[in-house]
PDB file of N, CA and C in Angstrom:
ATOM      1  N   MET A   1      72.557  61.918  71.737  1.00  0.00           N
ATOM      2  CA  MET A   1      72.177  60.485  72.019  1.00  0.00           C
ATOM      3  C   MET A   1      72.776  59.698  70.998  1.00  0.00           C
ATOM      4  N   GLY A   2      73.542  58.621  71.237  1.00  0.00           N
ATOM      5  CA  GLY A   2      74.146  57.935  70.257  1.00  0.00           C
ATOM      6  C   GLY A   2      73.210  56.743  69.809  1.00  0.00           C
ATOM      7  N   LYS A   3      73.633  56.296  68.614  1.00  0.00           N
ATOM      8  CA  LYS A   3      72.922  55.203  68.172  1.00  0.00           C
ATOM      9  C   LYS A   3      73.723  54.237  67.473  1.00  0.00           C
ATOM     10  N   LEU A   4      73.722  52.932  67.556  1.00  0.00           N
ATOM     11  CA  LEU A   4      74.488  52.077  66.926  1.00  0.00           C
ATOM     12  C   LEU A   4      74.221  51.879  65.543  1.00  0.00           C
ATOM     13  N   LEU A   5      75.285  51.783  64.676  1.00  0.00           N
ATOM     14  CA  LEU A   5      75.086  51.461  63.383  1.00  0.00           C
ATOM     15  C   LEU A   5      74.116  50.324  62.948  1.00  0.00           C
ATOM     16  N   CYS A   6      74.290  49.369  63.677  1.00  0.00           N
ATOM     17  CA  CYS A   6      73.435  48.244  63.374  1.00  0.00           C
ATOM     18  C   CYS A   6      71.890  48.527  63.427  1.00  0.00           C
ATOM     19  N   ASP A   7      71.456  49.528  63.891  1.00  0.00           N
ATOM     20  CA  ASP A   7      70.176  50.264  64.261  1.00  0.00           C
ATOM     21  C   ASP A   7      69.720  50.926  63.275  1.00  0.00           C
ATOM     22  N   PHE A   8      70.489  51.501  62.351  1.00  0.00           N
ATOM     23  CA  PHE A   8      70.111  52.316  61.216  1.00  0.00           C
ATOM     24  C   PHE A   8      69.139  51.834  60.400  1.00  0.00           C
ATOM     25  N   ALA A   9      68.259  52.600  59.744  1.00  0.00           N
ATOM     26  CA  ALA A   9      67.476  52.193  58.497  1.00  0.00           C
ATOM     27  C   ALA A   9      67.955  52.604  57.393  1.00  0.00           C
ATOM     28  N   ALA A  10      67.479  51.954  56.296  1.00  0.00           N
ATOM     29  CA  ALA A  10      68.092  52.288  54.950  1.00  0.00           C
ATOM     30  C   ALA A  10      68.171  53.801  54.598  1.00  0.00           C
ATOM     31  N   GLY A  11      69.000  54.477  54.175  1.00  0.00           N
ATOM     32  CA  GLY A  11      69.240  55.945  53.801  1.00  0.00           C
ATOM     33  C   GLY A  11      69.505  56.838  54.991  1.00  0.00           C
ATOM     34  N   GLU A  12      69.585  56.213  56.415  1.00  0.00           N
ATOM     35  CA  GLU A  12      69.700  57.053  57.383  1.00  0.00           C
ATOM     36  C   GLU A  12      71.408  57.390  57.615  1.00  0.00           C
ATOM     37  N   ARG A  13      71.641  58.490  58.091  1.00  0.00           N
ATOM     38  CA  ARG A  13      73.101  59.033  58.187  1.00  0.00           C
ATOM     39  C   ARG A  13      73.445  59.368  59.364  1.00  0.00           C
ATOM     40  N   GLY A  14      74.529  59.231  59.721  1.00  0.00           N
ATOM     41  CA  GLY A  14      75.201  59.702  60.869  1.00  0.00           C
ATOM     42  C   GLY A  14      76.716  59.960  60.910  1.00  0.00           C
ATOM     43  N   VAL A  15      77.188  60.549  62.022  1.00  0.00           N
ATOM     44  CA  VAL A  15      78.786  60.540  62.266  1.00  0.00           C
ATOM     45  C   VAL A  15      79.089  59.584  63.268  1.00  0.00           C
ATOM     46  N   ILE A  16      80.478  58.906  62.862  1.00  0.00           N
ATOM     47  CA  ILE A  16      80.803  58.241  64.025  1.00  0.00           C
ATOM     48  C   ILE A  16      81.376  58.763  65.265  1.00  0.00           C
ATOM     49  N   LYS A  17      80.854  58.341  66.259  1.00  0.00           N
ATOM     50  CA  LYS A  17      81.300  58.979  67.522  1.00  0.00           C
ATOM     51  C   LYS A  17      82.334  58.027  68.149  1.00  0.00           C
ATOM     52  N   SER A  18      82.106  56.866  68.326  1.00  0.00           N
ATOM     53  CA  SER A  18      83.280  55.890  68.903  1.00  0.00           C
ATOM     54  C   SER A  18      83.057  54.406  68.126  1.00  0.00           C
ATOM     55  N   VAL A  19      84.217  53.679  68.323  1.00  0.00           N
ATOM     56  CA  VAL A  19      84.275  52.517  67.775  1.00  0.00           C
ATOM     57  C   VAL A  19      84.648  51.624  68.897  1.00  0.00           C
ATOM     58  N   GLY A  20      83.802  50.538  69.093  1.00  0.00           N
ATOM     59  CA  GLY A  20      84.255  49.751  70.222  1.00  0.00           C
ATOM     60  C   GLY A  20      84.926  48.343  69.744  1.00  0.00           C
ATOM     61  N   GLY A  21      84.596  47.385  70.425  1.00  0.00           N
ATOM     62  CA  GLY A  21      85.125  45.966  69.889  1.00  0.00           C
ATOM     63  C   GLY A  21      86.517  45.772  70.480  1.00  0.00           C
ATOM     64  N   GLU A  22      86.980  44.658  70.486  1.00  0.00           N
ATOM     65  CA  GLU A  22      88.270  44.239  71.117  1.00  0.00           C
ATOM     66  C   GLU A  22      89.144  43.789  69.987  1.00  0.00           C
ATOM     67  N   GLY A  23      90.548  43.988  70.131  1.00  0.00           N
ATOM     68  CA  GLY A  23      91.712  43.401  69.409  1.00  0.00           C
ATOM     69  C   GLY A  23      91.544  43.587  67.966  1.00  0.00           C
ATOM     70  N   ARG A  24      91.320  42.400  67.255  1.00  0.00           N
ATOM     71  CA  ARG A  24      91.328  42.330  65.663  1.00  0.00           C
ATOM     72  C   ARG A  24      90.072  43.065  65.144  1.00  0.00           C
ATOM     73  N   VAL A  25      88.784  42.866  65.892  1.00  0.00           N
ATOM     74  CA  VAL A  25      87.771  43.424  65.397  1.00  0.00           C
ATOM     75  C   VAL A  25      88.000  45.144  65.049  1.00  0.00           C
ATOM     76  N   ARG A  26      88.467  45.549  66.295  1.00  0.00           N
ATOM     77  CA  ARG A  26      88.508  47.097  66.251  1.00  0.00           C
ATOM     78  C   ARG A  26      89.585  47.544  65.206  1.00  0.00           C
ATOM     79  N   ARG A  27      90.624  46.737  65.300  1.00  0.00           N
ATOM     80  CA  ARG A  27      91.771  47.139  64.517  1.00  0.00           C
ATOM     81  C   ARG A  27      91.214  46.988  62.935  1.00  0.00           C
ATOM     82  N   ARG A  28      90.455  46.017  62.704  1.00  0.00           N
ATOM     83  CA  ARG A  28      89.907  45.750  61.255  1.00  0.00           C
ATOM     84  C   ARG A  28      89.042  47.102  60.785  1.00  0.00           C
ATOM     85  N   LEU A  29      88.239  47.304  61.631  1.00  0.00           N
ATOM     86  CA  LEU A  29      87.306  48.564  61.415  1.00  0.00           C
ATOM     87  C   LEU A  29      87.984  49.885  61.086  1.00  0.00           C
ATOM     88  N   PHE A  30      89.177  50.012  61.982  1.00  0.00           N
ATOM     89  CA  PHE A  30      90.083  51.277  62.072  1.00  0.00           C
ATOM     90  C   PHE A  30      90.642  51.220  60.402  1.00  0.00           C
ATOM     91  N   ASP A  31      91.049  50.032  60.175  1.00  0.00           N
ATOM     92  CA  ASP A  31      91.735  49.746  58.679  1.00  0.00           C
ATOM     93  C   ASP A  31      90.993  49.895  57.676  1.00  0.00           C
ATOM     94  N   MET A  32      89.576  49.759  57.863  1.00  0.00           N
ATOM     95  CA  MET A  32      88.725  50.049  56.749  1.00  0.00           C
ATOM     96  C   MET A  32      88.144  51.509  56.656  1.00  0.00           C
ATOM     97  N   GLY A  33      88.732  52.331  57.653  1.00  0.00           N
ATOM     98  CA  GLY A  33      88.163  53.769  57.474  1.00  0.00           C
ATOM     99  C   GLY A  33      87.367  54.227  58.606  1.00  0.00           C
ATOM    100  N   VAL A  34      86.597  53.286  59.378  1.00  0.00           N
ATOM    101  CA  VAL A  34      85.669  53.434  60.278  1.00  0.00           C
ATOM    102  C   VAL A  34      86.258  53.941  61.415  1.00  0.00           C
ATOM    103  N   THR A  35      86.328  55.309  61.430  1.00  0.00           N
ATOM    104  CA  THR A  35      86.984  56.051  62.543  1.00  0.00           C
ATOM    105  C   THR A  35      86.083  57.155  62.987  1.00  0.00           C
ATOM    106  N   PRO A  36      86.327  57.419  64.161  1.00  0.00           N
ATOM    107  CA  PRO A  36      85.480  58.843  64.946  1.00  0.00           C
ATOM    108  C   PRO A  36      85.526  60.001  64.091  1.00  0.00           C
ATOM    109  N   GLY A  37      84.324  60.645  63.707  1.00  0.00           N
ATOM    110  CA  GLY A  37      84.399  61.815  62.961  1.00  0.00           C
ATOM    111  C   GLY A  37      84.108  61.613  61.445  1.00  0.00           C
ATOM    112  N   ALA A  38      83.988  60.321  60.893  1.00  0.00           N
ATOM    113  CA  ALA A  38      83.603  60.034  59.467  1.00  0.00           C
ATOM    114  C   ALA A  38      82.118  59.949  59.326  1.00  0.00           C
ATOM    115  N   GLU A  39      81.526  60.479  58.225  1.00  0.00           N
ATOM    116  CA  GLU A  39      80.148  60.333  58.081  1.00  0.00           C
ATOM    117  C   GLU A  39      79.920  59.136  57.362  1.00  0.00           C
ATOM    118  N   VAL A  40      78.832  58.502  57.922  1.00  0.00           N
ATOM    119  CA  VAL A  40      78.288  57.121  57.557  1.00  0.00           C
ATOM    120  C   VAL A  40      77.024  57.154  57.163  1.00  0.00           C
ATOM    121  N   ALA A  41      76.577  56.378  56.073  1.00  0.00           N
ATOM    122  CA  ALA A  41      75.231  56.147  55.668  1.00  0.00           C
ATOM    123  C   ALA A  41      74.981  54.762  55.371  1.00  0.00           C
ATOM    124  N   LEU A  42      73.777  54.189  55.797  1.00  0.00           N
ATOM    125  CA  LEU A  42      73.295  52.759  55.553  1.00  0.00           C
ATOM    126  C   LEU A  42      72.706  52.673  54.210  1.00  0.00           C
ATOM    127  N   VAL A  43      73.348  52.215  53.308  1.00  0.00           N
ATOM    128  CA  VAL A  43      72.828  51.759  51.999  1.00  0.00           C
ATOM    129  C   VAL A  43      71.512  50.870  51.922  1.00  0.00           C
ATOM    130  N   LYS A  44      71.870  49.760  52.326  1.00  0.00           N
ATOM    131  CA  LYS A  44      71.059  48.497  52.488  1.00  0.00           C
ATOM    132  C   LYS A  44      71.409  47.465  53.380  1.00  0.00           C
ATOM    133  N   ARG A  45      70.373  46.574  53.698  1.00  0.00           N
ATOM    134  CA  ARG A  45      70.669  45.591  54.530  1.00  0.00           C
ATOM    135  C   ARG A  45      70.201  44.208  53.787  1.00  0.00           C
ATOM    136  N   ALA A  46      70.990  43.115  54.216  1.00  0.00           N
ATOM    137  CA  ALA A  46      70.598  41.903  53.529  1.00  0.00           C
ATOM    138  C   ALA A  46      69.276  41.486  54.216  1.00  0.00           C
ATOM    139  N   PRO A  47      68.533  40.571  53.211  1.00  0.00           N
ATOM    140  CA  PRO A  47      67.202  40.054  53.753  1.00  0.00           C
ATOM    141  C   PRO A  47      67.094  39.522  55.079  1.00  0.00           C
ATOM    142  N   LEU A  48      67.988  38.887  55.656  1.00  0.00           N
ATOM    143  CA  LEU A  48      68.058  38.333  56.914  1.00  0.00           C
ATOM    144  C   LEU A  48      68.737  39.366  57.910  1.00  0.00           C
ATOM    145  N   GLY A  49      69.048  40.577  57.364  1.00  0.00           N
ATOM    146  CA  GLY A  49      69.773  41.468  58.319  1.00  0.00           C
ATOM    147  C   GLY A  49      71.116  41.560  58.442  1.00  0.00           C
ATOM    148  N   ASP A  50      71.833  40.740  57.912  1.00  0.00           N
ATOM    149  CA  ASP A  50      73.183  40.458  58.154  1.00  0.00           C
ATOM    150  C   ASP A  50      73.807  40.013  56.760  1.00  0.00           C
ATOM    151  N   PRO A  51      74.706  40.858  56.236  1.00  0.00           N
ATOM    152  CA  PRO A  51      75.398  41.924  56.437  1.00  0.00           C
ATOM    153  C   PRO A  51      74.686  43.142  56.237  1.00  0.00           C
ATOM    154  N   VAL A  52      75.239  44.183  56.428  1.00  0.00           N
ATOM    155  CA  VAL A  52      74.672  45.538  56.093  1.00  0.00           C
ATOM    156  C   VAL A  52      75.770  46.523  55.176  1.00  0.00           C
ATOM    157  N   GLU A  53      75.279  47.077  54.139  1.00  0.00           N
ATOM    158  CA  GLU A  53      76.181  47.824  53.367  1.00  0.00           C
ATOM    159  C   GLU A  53      76.050  49.412  53.712  1.00  0.00           C
ATOM    160  N   VAL A  54      77.284  50.058  53.964  1.00  0.00           N
ATOM    161  CA  VAL A  54      77.279  51.355  54.144  1.00  0.00           C
ATOM    162  C   VAL A  54      78.266  52.315  53.394  1.00  0.00           C
ATOM    163  N   THR A  55      77.806  53.506  53.255  1.00  0.00           N
ATOM    164  CA  THR A  55      78.802  54.369  52.541  1.00  0.00           C
ATOM    165  C   THR A  55      79.773  55.010  53.405  1.00  0.00           C
ATOM    166  N   ILE A  56      80.956  54.991  53.329  1.00  0.00           N
ATOM    167  CA  ILE A  56      81.686  55.721  54.275  1.00  0.00           C
ATOM    168  C   ILE A  56      83.147  56.244  53.503  1.00  0.00           C
ATOM    169  N   ARG A  57      83.260  57.585  53.631  1.00  0.00           N
ATOM    170  CA  ARG A  57      84.556  58.109  52.882  1.00  0.00           C
ATOM    171  C   ARG A  57      84.672  57.950  51.359  1.00  0.00           C
ATOM    172  N   GLY A  58      83.375  57.992  51.091  1.00  0.00           N
ATOM    173  CA  GLY A  58      83.272  57.874  49.463  1.00  0.00           C
ATOM    174  C   GLY A  58      83.344  56.535  48.882  1.00  0.00           C
ATOM    175  N   TYR A  59      83.137  55.486  49.673  1.00  0.00           N
ATOM    176  CA  TYR A  59      83.255  54.082  49.116  1.00  0.00           C
ATOM    177  C   TYR A  59      82.105  53.197  49.974  1.00  0.00           C
ATOM    178  N   GLN A  60      81.767  52.109  49.127  1.00  0.00           N
ATOM    179  CA  GLN A  60      80.782  51.234  49.529  1.00  0.00           C
ATOM    180  C   GLN A  60      81.584  50.154  50.619  1.00  0.00           C
ATOM    181  N   LEU A  61      81.036  49.805  51.818  1.00  0.00           N
ATOM    182  CA  LEU A  61      81.626  48.908  52.601  1.00  0.00           C
ATOM    183  C   LEU A  61      80.530  47.966  53.221  1.00  0.00           C
ATOM    184  N   THR A  62      80.754  46.685  53.278  1.00  0.00           N
ATOM    185  CA  THR A  62      79.890  45.766  53.833  1.00  0.00           C
ATOM    186  C   THR A  62      80.413  45.246  55.117  1.00  0.00           C
ATOM    187  N   LEU A  63      79.608  45.357  56.127  1.00  0.00           N
ATOM    188  CA  LEU A  63      80.086  45.045  57.506  1.00  0.00           C
ATOM    189  C   LEU A  63      79.201  43.791  58.063  1.00  0.00           C
ATOM    190  N   ARG A  64      79.637  42.987  58.822  1.00  0.00           N
ATOM    191  CA  ARG A  64      78.802  42.009  59.436  1.00  0.00           C
ATOM    192  C   ARG A  64      78.004  42.781  60.548  1.00  0.00           C
ATOM    193  N   LYS A  65      77.000  42.296  60.970  1.00  0.00           N
ATOM    194  CA  LYS A  65      76.052  42.769  61.892  1.00  0.00           C
ATOM    195  C   LYS A  65      76.841  43.025  63.403  1.00  0.00           C
ATOM    196  N   THR A  66      77.850  41.867  63.696  1.00  0.00           N
ATOM    197  CA  THR A  66      78.352  42.194  64.881  1.00  0.00           C
ATOM    198  C   THR A  66      79.535  43.225  64.812  1.00  0.00           C
ATOM    199  N   GLU A  67      79.973  43.462  63.640  1.00  0.00           N
ATOM    200  CA  GLU A  67      80.820  44.622  63.485  1.00  0.00           C
ATOM    201  C   GLU A  67      80.049  45.997  63.568  1.00  0.00           C
ATOM    202  N   ALA A  68      78.844  46.072  62.967  1.00  0.00           N
ATOM    203  CA  ALA A  68      78.005  47.314  62.930  1.00  0.00           C
ATOM    204  C   ALA A  68      77.658  47.533  64.470  1.00  0.00           C
ATOM    205  N   GLN A  69      77.659  46.691  65.249  1.00  0.00           N
ATOM    206  CA  GLN A  69      77.106  46.742  66.644  1.00  0.00           C
ATOM    207  C   GLN A  69      78.355  47.594  67.531  1.00  0.00           C
ATOM    208  N   CYS A  70      79.474  47.477  67.020  1.00  0.00           N
ATOM    209  CA  CYS A  70      80.700  48.147  67.835  1.00  0.00           C
ATOM    210  C   CYS A  70      80.871  49.588  67.402  1.00  0.00           C
ATOM    211  N   VAL A  71      80.066  50.102  66.424  1.00  0.00           N
ATOM    212  CA  VAL A  71      80.127  51.402  65.972  1.00  0.00           C
ATOM    213  C   VAL A  71      78.913  52.271  66.497  1.00  0.00           C
ATOM    214  N   GLU A  72      79.266  53.402  67.335  1.00  0.00           N
ATOM    215  CA  GLU A  72      78.280  54.050  67.941  1.00  0.00           C
ATOM    216  C   GLU A  72      78.269  55.463  67.165  1.00  0.00           C
ATOM    217  N   THR A  73      77.203  56.112  66.856  1.00  0.00           N
ATOM    218  CA  THR A  73      77.134  57.101  65.953  1.00  0.00           C
ATOM    219  C   THR A  73      76.340  58.372  66.589  1.00  0.00           C
ATOM    220  N   GLU A  74      76.305  59.555  66.094  1.00  0.00           N
ATOM    221  CA  GLU A  74      75.236  60.465  66.410  1.00  0.00           C
ATOM    222  C   GLU A  74      74.734  61.021  65.127  1.00  0.00           C
ATOM    223  N   ALA A  75      73.650  61.888  65.170  1.00  0.00           N
ATOM    224  CA  ALA A  75      72.862  62.388  64.171  1.00  0.00           C
ATOM    225  C   ALA A  75      73.735  63.225  63.232  1.00  0.00           C
ATOM    226  N   ALA A  76      73.667  63.047  61.886  1.00  0.00           N
ATOM    227  CA  ALA A  76      74.455  63.908  60.976  1.00  0.00           C
ATOM    228  C   ALA A  76      73.853  65.246  61.057  1.00  0.00           C
ATOM    229  N   LEU A  77      74.609  66.344  60.835  1.00  0.00           N
ATOM    230  CA  LEU A  77      74.388  67.737  60.936  1.00  0.00           C
ATOM    231  C   LEU A  77      73.928  68.152  59.468  1.00  0.00           C
TER     232      LEU A  77
END
């Protein structure tokens, strides 16, 4: 069962299953290393929920909530 990255709680981990979005958004996510198979963990969320900070491929990345809605994950093993 998949879960969107924007629905993660702080400290939750998962493996990226697919990346949606259109054109520039999808390309930008791929350029930042958000690709299927990568492990991702939500570090923290801004007070109003946007943006979110994640750890992926050994570095911290901040994503807008709309970008995080494009990333579908599955539970980390």
